[in-house]
Amino acid sequence: MKILKSEKKLCLLCMEEHAVDTVEVTDHENFKGEKVSFIAKYEYCSATEDLLETEEMIKVNSLAMKDAYRKKLNLLTSIEINEIRATYDISQKDFSEVLGWGRSTVTRYENHQVQDRAHDDVLRKISSDPKWFLEKLNIAKEKDKISEKAFLKSLHEANEQYKKKRNQYLIDSIHASYADFENKMITGNLELNLNKVIEMINYLSEKVTSLHKVKLMKMLWYSDILFFKRKERSISGLVYSALPMGAVPEGYEQIVLLNGVQFETLQYGEKIGYKFKPSPEFEVTELTEDEVQTLNDVISLFGNLSADEIIHKMHEEEAYKSTPSNSPILYSFAKDLSID
């Protein structure tokens, strides 16, 4: 028994005025067929050596017992549900409306009722997937389930959470697009390593003046296939397809948006260009010495070429000429590469 505080007042156990202790004890109860242990609060009378639950303590202890049950069954606790709701700065009633539940459901879950597994899964997804919450929030607004003021307040917080998760969405999207590539001659005998991809982009942009997107894509391909020629595996695991302007990595639209990749957008007439630059905190940690040497060799050969010149060089490679348009380029063409 742990004493939290003492207060002189009328003791309802002995009906005398004296110092009454507020204490914590470990209780054990059976709830829905499960035996659970939890910390409960009571008032303690030293005269009768007995414990008393006030009306407020009955509520607190009941919730503590149910949270112990939730933990045992790997369900979110009332505090965790409250924290999810607070993350999106939304009221209990509005949160219930957004989720399409009874308007008092979340209130009950935060106070006295244990959620079922299906609702627990929904709450976990809301916690981990702000994009999904945004979709649910917009639907609720369209159906006039929540006020404009509540919508805008929660929308702001949801967007902030989405920004924080954005990089993981990109990573998941890129890996999903690579799930269908099982041929090792397409992946370069290597699983996709986005950390190395990011370092390759930073290293190239650090060493090459005025590195734009088209030139970057070709230099990545030359680096990967040259390393494959030397070591029978690529550096990054990137899959490249033969597009009209040469080799382009699968998922490049998402790759250039990853955290750690930086570029400036430049206006060229009616077109927008991307000039890559190294991240301020960039340092080589993933790439091996041999991989860096291969990058240096590619930089030496192609770093001073214009985009048109490197595209022309790419079009002369057997790997490109022998690959159908929009199809993956096999790394087995490394043996025919024009450079060593």
Protein backbone atom coordinates (compact mmCIF):
# COMPACT_ATOMS: atom_id res chain seq x y z
CA MET A 1 0.00 0.00 0.00
CA LYS A 2 1.37 3.38 -1.04
CA ILE A 3 0.22 6.56 0.68
CA LEU A 4 -0.41 9.36 -1.80
CA LYS A 5 -1.59 12.04 0.62
CA SER A 6 -3.17 12.57 4.06
CA GLU A 7 -6.01 14.94 4.86
CA LYS A 8 -7.72 15.64 8.18
CA LYS A 9 -11.47 15.24 7.70
CA LEU A 10 -14.49 13.21 8.75
CA CYS A 11 -13.74 9.56 8.12
CA LEU A 12 -16.80 7.79 6.72
CA LEU A 13 -15.55 4.44 8.01
CA CYS A 14 -15.22 5.26 11.72
CA MET A 15 -17.27 8.49 11.64
CA GLU A 16 -14.46 10.33 13.49
CA GLU A 17 -12.43 13.31 12.36
CA HIS A 18 -8.77 12.39 11.80
CA ALA A 19 -6.10 12.17 9.15
CA VAL A 20 -7.48 10.06 6.29
CA ASP A 21 -4.94 8.65 3.87
CA THR A 22 -5.45 8.39 0.11
CA VAL A 23 -3.61 5.22 -0.91
CA GLU A 24 -2.80 3.04 -3.91
CA VAL A 25 -3.07 -0.72 -3.75
CA THR A 26 -2.81 -3.50 -6.30
CA ASP A 27 -6.22 -5.05 -6.88
CA HIS A 28 -7.13 -8.25 -8.72
CA GLU A 29 -10.46 -8.84 -10.44
CA ASN A 30 -12.08 -11.04 -13.07
CA PHE A 31 -13.51 -9.15 -16.04
CA LYS A 32 -15.12 -10.88 -19.00
CA GLY A 33 -13.44 -14.13 -18.04
CA GLU A 34 -9.98 -12.61 -17.65
CA LYS A 35 -8.14 -12.15 -14.36
CA VAL A 36 -6.50 -8.72 -14.31
CA SER A 37 -4.34 -6.79 -11.87
CA PHE A 38 -4.40 -3.01 -11.63
CA ILE A 39 -3.54 -0.09 -9.34
CA ALA A 40 -6.62 1.14 -7.44
CA LYS A 41 -7.08 4.19 -5.21
CA TYR A 42 -8.88 4.17 -1.85
CA GLU A 43 -9.26 6.14 1.33
CA TYR A 44 -7.66 4.35 4.29
CA CYS A 45 -8.81 4.56 7.90
CA SER A 46 -6.01 3.73 10.36
CA ALA A 47 -8.56 3.24 13.15
CA THR A 48 -10.53 0.49 11.40
CA GLU A 49 -7.65 -0.56 9.09
CA ASP A 50 -10.17 -0.61 6.30
CA LEU A 51 -10.43 0.87 2.79
CA LEU A 52 -13.20 3.04 1.37
CA GLU A 53 -14.01 3.91 -2.26
CA THR A 54 -15.49 7.33 -2.83
CA GLU A 55 -17.86 7.80 -5.75
CA GLU A 56 -15.06 9.33 -7.82
CA MET A 57 -12.67 6.49 -6.89
CA ILE A 58 -15.23 3.92 -8.02
CA LYS A 59 -15.13 5.48 -11.50
CA VAL A 60 -11.34 5.76 -11.57
CA ASN A 61 -10.78 2.21 -10.30
CA SER A 62 -13.30 0.76 -12.73
CA LEU A 63 -11.53 2.46 -15.62
CA ALA A 64 -8.13 1.26 -14.34
CA MET A 65 -9.45 -2.31 -14.20
CA LYS A 66 -10.85 -2.09 -17.72
CA ASP A 67 -7.61 -0.59 -19.02
CA ALA A 68 -5.73 -3.52 -17.48
CA TYR A 69 -8.11 -5.81 -19.35
CA ARG A 70 -7.50 -3.87 -22.56
CA LYS A 71 -3.73 -4.20 -22.16
CA LYS A 72 -4.03 -7.94 -21.57
CA LEU A 73 -6.03 -8.32 -24.79
CA ASN A 74 -3.82 -5.86 -26.69
CA LEU A 75 -6.57 -3.27 -27.06
CA LEU A 76 -6.04 0.48 -26.91
CA THR A 77 -6.46 1.89 -23.41
CA SER A 78 -8.77 4.80 -22.62
CA ILE A 79 -5.74 7.08 -22.38
CA GLU A 80 -4.46 5.97 -25.79
CA ILE A 81 -7.88 6.59 -27.35
CA ASN A 82 -7.92 10.05 -25.79
CA GLU A 83 -4.44 10.73 -27.17
CA ILE A 84 -5.48 9.72 -30.69
CA ARG A 85 -8.44 12.09 -30.52
CA ALA A 86 -6.27 14.87 -29.07
CA THR A 87 -3.81 14.42 -31.95
CA TYR A 88 -6.53 15.54 -34.34
CA ASP A 89 -7.91 18.19 -31.94
CA ILE A 90 -11.45 16.89 -32.21
CA SER A 91 -14.21 16.50 -29.62
CA GLN A 92 -15.52 13.14 -28.49
CA LYS A 93 -18.85 13.70 -30.23
CA ASP A 94 -17.29 14.90 -33.50
CA PHE A 95 -14.77 12.06 -33.47
CA SER A 96 -17.66 9.59 -33.19
CA GLU A 97 -19.44 11.34 -36.07
CA VAL A 98 -16.35 11.24 -38.28
CA LEU A 99 -15.96 7.53 -37.63
CA GLY A 100 -19.62 6.89 -38.33
CA TRP A 101 -20.35 5.59 -34.83
CA GLY A 102 -23.00 6.56 -32.31
CA ARG A 103 -22.28 10.12 -31.19
CA SER A 104 -21.52 9.01 -27.59
CA THR A 105 -19.38 6.00 -28.52
CA VAL A 106 -15.96 7.63 -28.10
CA THR A 107 -17.09 9.22 -24.83
CA ARG A 108 -17.98 5.78 -23.50
CA TYR A 109 -14.66 4.29 -24.66
CA GLU A 110 -12.71 7.03 -22.89
CA ASN A 111 -14.70 6.67 -19.67
CA HIS A 112 -16.14 3.24 -18.94
CA GLN A 113 -16.81 0.94 -21.91
CA VAL A 114 -14.31 -1.43 -23.53
CA GLN A 115 -14.30 -1.21 -27.33
CA ASP A 116 -14.68 -4.29 -29.50
CA ARG A 117 -11.86 -5.53 -31.73
CA ALA A 118 -13.33 -4.02 -34.91
CA HIS A 119 -13.53 -0.52 -33.43
CA ASP A 120 -10.07 -0.93 -31.95
CA ASP A 121 -8.69 -1.71 -35.43
CA VAL A 122 -10.36 1.45 -36.79
CA LEU A 123 -8.83 3.58 -34.03
CA ARG A 124 -5.38 2.11 -34.66
CA LYS A 125 -5.65 2.82 -38.39
CA ILE A 126 -6.76 6.39 -37.67
CA SER A 127 -3.72 6.77 -35.41
CA SER A 128 -1.26 5.45 -37.97
CA ASP A 129 -2.87 6.76 -41.16
CA PRO A 130 -3.69 10.50 -41.17
CA LYS A 131 -4.53 10.27 -44.87
CA TRP A 132 -7.40 7.91 -44.07
CA PHE A 133 -8.60 10.19 -41.28
CA LEU A 134 -8.58 13.10 -43.73
CA GLU A 135 -10.82 11.11 -46.07
CA LYS A 136 -13.22 10.30 -43.22
CA LEU A 137 -13.16 13.92 -42.05
CA ASN A 138 -14.07 15.26 -45.50
CA ILE A 139 -16.92 12.76 -45.83
CA ALA A 140 -18.28 13.84 -42.44
CA LYS A 141 -18.15 17.49 -43.55
CA GLU A 142 -19.91 16.74 -46.84
CA LYS A 143 -22.71 15.03 -44.88
CA ASP A 144 -22.92 17.96 -42.41
CA LYS A 145 -21.99 15.68 -39.51
CA ILE A 146 -19.64 18.28 -38.00
CA SER A 147 -19.54 22.07 -37.97
CA GLU A 148 -17.33 24.17 -40.23
CA LYS A 149 -15.34 25.41 -37.22
CA ALA A 150 -14.72 21.87 -35.90
CA PHE A 151 -13.85 20.68 -39.42
CA LEU A 152 -11.24 23.37 -40.03
CA LYS A 153 -9.65 22.89 -36.62
CA SER A 154 -9.31 19.14 -37.08
CA LEU A 155 -8.34 19.50 -40.74
CA HIS A 156 -5.31 21.60 -39.76
CA GLU A 157 -4.07 19.01 -37.26
CA ALA A 158 -4.75 16.13 -39.64
CA ASN A 159 -2.73 17.85 -42.37
CA GLU A 160 0.13 18.37 -39.94
CA GLN A 161 0.08 14.66 -39.08
CA TYR A 162 -0.07 13.78 -42.77
CA LYS A 163 3.03 15.86 -43.47
CA LYS A 164 4.89 13.95 -40.75
CA LYS A 165 3.81 10.62 -42.25
CA ARG A 166 4.30 11.68 -45.86
CA ASN A 167 7.75 10.16 -46.21
CA GLN A 168 6.51 6.78 -45.01
CA TYR A 169 3.64 6.93 -47.51
CA LEU A 170 6.18 7.54 -50.26
CA ILE A 171 8.39 4.67 -49.10
CA ASP A 172 5.41 2.30 -48.92
CA SER A 173 4.28 3.38 -52.38
CA ILE A 174 7.73 2.81 -53.89
CA HIS A 175 8.15 -0.61 -52.31
CA ALA A 176 4.64 -1.57 -53.44
CA SER A 177 5.56 -0.73 -57.03
CA TYR A 178 8.64 -2.96 -56.72
CA ALA A 179 6.73 -5.93 -55.31
CA ASP A 180 6.07 -7.35 -58.79
CA PHE A 181 9.73 -7.36 -59.84
CA GLU A 182 11.08 -10.81 -59.02
CA ASN A 183 13.53 -11.30 -61.90
CA LYS A 184 17.03 -10.67 -60.48
CA MET A 185 18.19 -9.47 -63.87
CA ILE A 186 15.66 -6.65 -63.54
CA THR A 187 16.57 -5.73 -59.95
CA GLY A 188 20.30 -6.16 -60.34
CA ASN A 189 20.55 -9.12 -57.96
CA LEU A 190 19.59 -6.81 -55.10
CA GLU A 191 16.53 -5.75 -53.13
CA LEU A 192 15.68 -2.08 -53.41
CA ASN A 193 17.69 -0.02 -50.89
CA LEU A 194 16.21 3.48 -50.70
CA ASN A 195 18.85 4.67 -48.25
CA LYS A 196 21.48 4.01 -50.90
CA VAL A 197 19.33 5.61 -53.58
CA ILE A 198 19.13 8.79 -51.51
CA GLU A 199 22.89 8.76 -50.91
CA MET A 200 23.57 8.21 -54.62
CA ILE A 201 21.41 11.21 -55.51
CA ASN A 202 23.11 13.37 -52.88
CA TYR A 203 26.59 12.26 -53.88
CA LEU A 204 25.97 12.92 -57.57
CA SER A 205 24.37 16.31 -56.89
CA GLU A 206 27.32 17.25 -54.65
CA LYS A 207 29.90 16.39 -57.31
CA VAL A 208 28.12 17.40 -60.52
CA THR A 209 27.44 21.04 -61.36
CA SER A 210 23.90 21.82 -62.48
CA LEU A 211 22.47 18.30 -62.12
CA HIS A 212 18.95 18.18 -63.52
CA LYS A 213 16.46 15.33 -63.42
CA VAL A 214 17.03 13.82 -66.87
CA LYS A 215 20.79 13.73 -66.41
CA LEU A 216 20.45 12.40 -62.87
CA MET A 217 18.33 9.45 -64.00
CA LYS A 218 20.90 8.46 -66.63
CA MET A 219 23.81 8.78 -64.21
CA LEU A 220 22.00 6.58 -61.70
CA TRP A 221 21.54 3.92 -64.37
CA TYR A 222 25.15 4.08 -65.52
CA SER A 223 26.30 3.81 -61.89
CA ASP A 224 24.11 0.79 -61.16
CA ILE A 225 24.83 -1.14 -64.34
CA LEU A 226 28.57 -0.37 -64.25
CA PHE A 227 28.73 -1.68 -60.69
CA PHE A 228 26.79 -4.76 -61.82
CA LYS A 229 29.36 -5.29 -64.57
CA ARG A 230 32.10 -5.17 -61.95
CA LYS A 231 30.46 -6.95 -59.00
CA GLU A 232 27.43 -8.80 -60.46
CA ARG A 233 24.98 -6.69 -58.46
CA SER A 234 23.70 -3.15 -58.65
CA ILE A 235 24.31 -0.50 -56.02
CA SER A 236 20.69 0.38 -55.30
CA GLY A 237 18.37 -2.37 -56.51
CA LEU A 238 16.57 0.17 -58.70
CA VAL A 239 14.62 -1.12 -61.68
CA TYR A 240 15.07 0.95 -64.84
CA SER A 241 12.70 1.14 -67.80
CA ALA A 242 13.53 2.18 -71.36
CA LEU A 243 11.65 5.43 -71.91
CA PRO A 244 12.05 7.74 -74.95
CA MET A 245 14.74 9.83 -73.22
CA GLY A 246 16.62 6.82 -71.88
CA ALA A 247 16.66 4.77 -68.69
CA VAL A 248 14.39 5.95 -65.87
CA PRO A 249 14.03 4.28 -62.43
CA GLU A 250 10.69 2.79 -61.49
CA GLY A 251 8.96 5.11 -59.00
CA TYR A 252 11.21 8.08 -59.75
CA GLU A 253 8.33 10.53 -59.18
CA GLN A 254 8.10 9.40 -55.55
CA ILE A 255 11.86 8.88 -55.10
CA VAL A 256 12.73 12.53 -55.75
CA LEU A 257 10.21 13.57 -53.05
CA LEU A 258 11.76 11.44 -50.30
CA ASN A 259 13.22 13.07 -47.20
CA GLY A 260 16.90 13.61 -47.81
CA VAL A 261 16.49 14.50 -51.51
CA GLN A 262 16.56 18.20 -52.31
CA PHE A 263 16.02 20.12 -55.51
CA GLU A 264 15.13 23.57 -56.78
CA THR A 265 12.31 24.06 -59.26
CA LEU A 266 13.31 26.30 -62.14
CA GLN A 267 11.16 27.83 -64.87
CA TYR A 268 12.32 27.32 -68.46
CA GLY A 269 9.77 29.12 -70.60
CA GLU A 270 6.58 27.14 -70.11
CA LYS A 271 8.41 24.15 -68.63
CA ILE A 272 9.56 23.49 -65.07
CA GLY A 273 12.95 21.93 -64.40
CA TYR A 274 14.43 20.31 -61.30
CA LYS A 275 17.97 21.12 -60.24
CA PHE A 276 19.23 18.75 -57.54
CA LYS A 277 21.47 19.77 -54.69
CA PRO A 278 22.94 17.86 -51.74
CA SER A 279 21.10 17.86 -48.44
CA PRO A 280 22.88 20.11 -45.88
CA GLU A 281 23.36 17.17 -43.49
CA PHE A 282 24.50 14.78 -46.22
CA GLU A 283 27.35 12.40 -45.47
CA VAL A 284 28.21 8.99 -46.90
CA THR A 285 27.18 6.26 -44.47
CA GLU A 286 25.52 3.58 -46.62
CA LEU A 287 27.67 3.44 -49.75
CA THR A 288 30.78 1.25 -49.75
CA GLU A 289 34.18 2.37 -51.02
CA ASP A 290 33.72 0.32 -54.21
CA GLU A 291 30.29 1.86 -54.78
CA VAL A 292 31.65 5.38 -54.28
CA GLN A 293 34.49 4.61 -56.70
CA THR A 294 31.97 3.53 -59.33
CA LEU A 295 30.01 6.76 -58.81
CA ASN A 296 33.24 8.73 -59.20
CA ASP A 297 34.01 6.89 -62.45
CA VAL A 298 30.56 7.71 -63.82
CA ILE A 299 30.97 11.34 -62.73
CA SER A 300 34.34 11.49 -64.49
CA LEU A 301 32.83 10.15 -67.72
CA PHE A 302 29.45 11.88 -67.77
CA GLY A 303 29.53 14.69 -65.21
CA ASN A 304 30.41 17.37 -67.77
CA LEU A 305 28.04 16.15 -70.48
CA SER A 306 24.79 17.96 -71.19
CA ALA A 307 21.48 16.17 -70.81
CA ASP A 308 21.21 15.77 -74.60
CA GLU A 309 24.72 14.33 -74.82
CA ILE A 310 24.13 11.74 -72.10
CA ILE A 311 20.76 10.82 -73.66
CA HIS A 312 22.50 10.29 -77.02
CA LYS A 313 25.13 8.13 -75.30
CA MET A 314 22.40 6.14 -73.56
CA HIS A 315 20.58 5.56 -76.86
CA GLU A 316 23.70 3.95 -78.27
CA GLU A 317 23.92 1.38 -75.49
CA GLU A 318 22.93 -2.18 -76.44
CA ALA A 319 20.87 -2.35 -73.26
CA TYR A 320 18.64 0.45 -74.51
CA LYS A 321 18.51 -0.58 -78.18
CA SER A 322 17.55 -4.16 -77.30
CA THR A 323 14.85 -3.29 -74.77
CA PRO A 324 11.26 -2.70 -75.94
CA SER A 325 9.92 0.77 -75.16
CA ASN A 326 8.56 1.17 -71.59
CA SER A 327 9.96 -2.23 -70.58
CA PRO A 328 12.47 -2.97 -67.78
CA ILE A 329 16.11 -2.98 -68.85
CA LEU A 330 17.90 -6.21 -67.93
CA TYR A 331 21.15 -5.90 -66.00
CA SER A 332 22.47 -8.81 -68.05
CA PHE A 333 23.25 -6.20 -70.72
CA ALA A 334 26.05 -5.00 -68.42
CA LYS A 335 28.46 -7.18 -70.40
CA ASP A 336 27.80 -5.00 -73.46
CA LEU A 337 28.18 -1.69 -71.61
CA SER A 338 30.34 0.83 -73.47
CA ILE A 339 32.31 1.69 -70.32
CA ASP A 340 34.37 -0.39 -67.88
